[in-house]
Protein backbone atom coordinates (compact mmCIF):
# COMPACT_ATOMS: atom_id res chain seq x y z
CA MET A 1 0.00 0.00 0.00
CA LYS A 2 1.52 3.31 -0.98
CA MET A 3 0.76 6.37 1.05
CA PRO A 4 0.34 9.62 -0.84
CA GLU A 5 3.07 12.09 0.02
CA LYS A 6 0.48 14.65 1.14
CA LEU A 7 -0.68 12.29 3.92
CA CYS A 8 2.90 12.02 5.19
CA THR A 9 3.42 15.77 5.06
CA ASP A 10 0.25 16.52 7.04
CA CYS A 11 0.58 13.62 9.48
CA PRO A 12 0.61 14.70 13.16
CA LEU A 13 2.95 11.77 13.96
CA ARG A 14 5.50 12.80 11.35
CA GLU A 15 8.15 13.51 14.01
CA GLN A 16 7.92 9.89 15.23
CA CYS A 17 8.19 8.43 11.74
CA VAL A 18 11.21 6.57 10.42
CA GLY A 19 13.87 8.53 8.58
CA GLY A 20 14.11 8.89 4.84
CA LYS A 21 12.59 11.10 2.22
CA GLY A 22 9.54 10.73 0.08
CA PRO A 23 6.34 8.77 0.62
CA ARG A 24 6.25 5.73 2.86
CA THR A 25 5.32 2.25 1.72
CA ILE A 26 3.44 0.05 4.15
CA ARG A 27 2.96 -3.67 3.61
CA VAL A 28 -0.05 -5.22 5.27
CA ARG A 29 -0.15 -9.00 5.54
CA LYS A 30 -3.24 -10.89 4.44
CA ASP A 31 -3.72 -12.21 7.96
CA GLU A 32 -3.20 -8.85 9.71
CA ALA A 33 -6.79 -8.79 11.02
CA ALA A 34 -6.34 -12.24 12.59
CA ILE A 35 -3.03 -11.18 14.14
CA GLN A 36 -4.63 -8.09 15.68
CA GLN A 37 -7.48 -10.21 17.05
CA LYS A 38 -5.01 -12.64 18.66
CA ARG A 39 -3.11 -9.73 20.22
CA GLU A 40 -6.34 -8.46 21.76
CA GLU A 41 -7.07 -11.93 23.17
CA GLN A 42 -3.56 -12.16 24.60
CA ALA A 43 -4.03 -8.87 26.44
CA ASN A 44 -6.84 -10.51 28.46
CA LEU A 45 -5.81 -11.44 32.03
CA GLN A 46 -7.58 -14.84 31.85
CA TRP A 47 -5.61 -15.72 28.70
CA GLN A 48 -2.34 -14.73 30.37
CA ILE A 49 -3.07 -16.90 33.42
CA HIS A 50 -3.94 -19.86 31.19
CA TYR A 51 -0.84 -19.35 29.05
CA ARG A 52 1.44 -19.11 32.10
CA GLU A 53 0.25 -22.54 33.26
CA ARG A 54 0.42 -24.01 29.78
CA SER A 55 3.98 -22.79 29.26
CA ARG A 56 5.02 -24.54 32.48
CA VAL A 57 3.55 -27.80 31.20
CA GLU A 58 5.17 -27.37 27.78
CA HIS A 59 8.56 -26.71 29.34
CA THR A 60 8.20 -29.83 31.47
CA ASN A 61 7.35 -31.88 28.38
CA VAL A 62 10.36 -30.52 26.52
CA ASP A 63 12.63 -31.24 29.45
CA MET A 64 11.41 -34.83 29.62
CA THR A 65 11.89 -35.49 25.92
CA SER A 66 14.94 -33.36 25.16
CA GLN A 67 18.19 -34.79 23.93
CA HIS A 68 19.88 -33.28 26.96
CA THR A 69 18.28 -35.78 29.32
CA GLY A 70 17.51 -38.42 26.72
CA PRO A 71 14.10 -39.29 25.39
CA VAL A 72 11.63 -40.80 27.80
CA LYS A 73 10.38 -44.17 26.64
CA ALA A 74 6.71 -44.62 27.22
CA ARG A 75 5.49 -47.97 28.43
CA SER A 76 2.76 -49.56 26.38
CA PHE A 77 1.01 -52.88 26.37
CA HIS A 78 -0.53 -52.31 22.96
CA PRO A 79 0.10 -55.29 20.62
CA VAL A 80 1.49 -53.05 17.86
CA PHE A 81 4.43 -52.18 20.09
CA HIS A 82 5.08 -55.78 21.13
CA ARG A 83 5.34 -57.68 17.87
CA SER A 84 7.87 -60.43 17.70
CA PRO A 85 10.57 -59.93 15.07
CA SER A 86 9.94 -61.80 11.82
């Protein structure tokens, strides 16, 4: 999206703008609306509390399966995992 130079010249935020001369070019992603919606959700206190707990669980899972400590082998009694070699 190209901004007309007149909009840049009259912009009240011109002093805060990036350096350079001439009109600015802004690229808006196709999923920008979805990104903005997710950011609004993430600002919610309930979401932050839920995410804090989830990140703890995810870190625990990574620690258990990381190469640093070696992968954890799950025990299973399912017949698929206990086939005799042919």
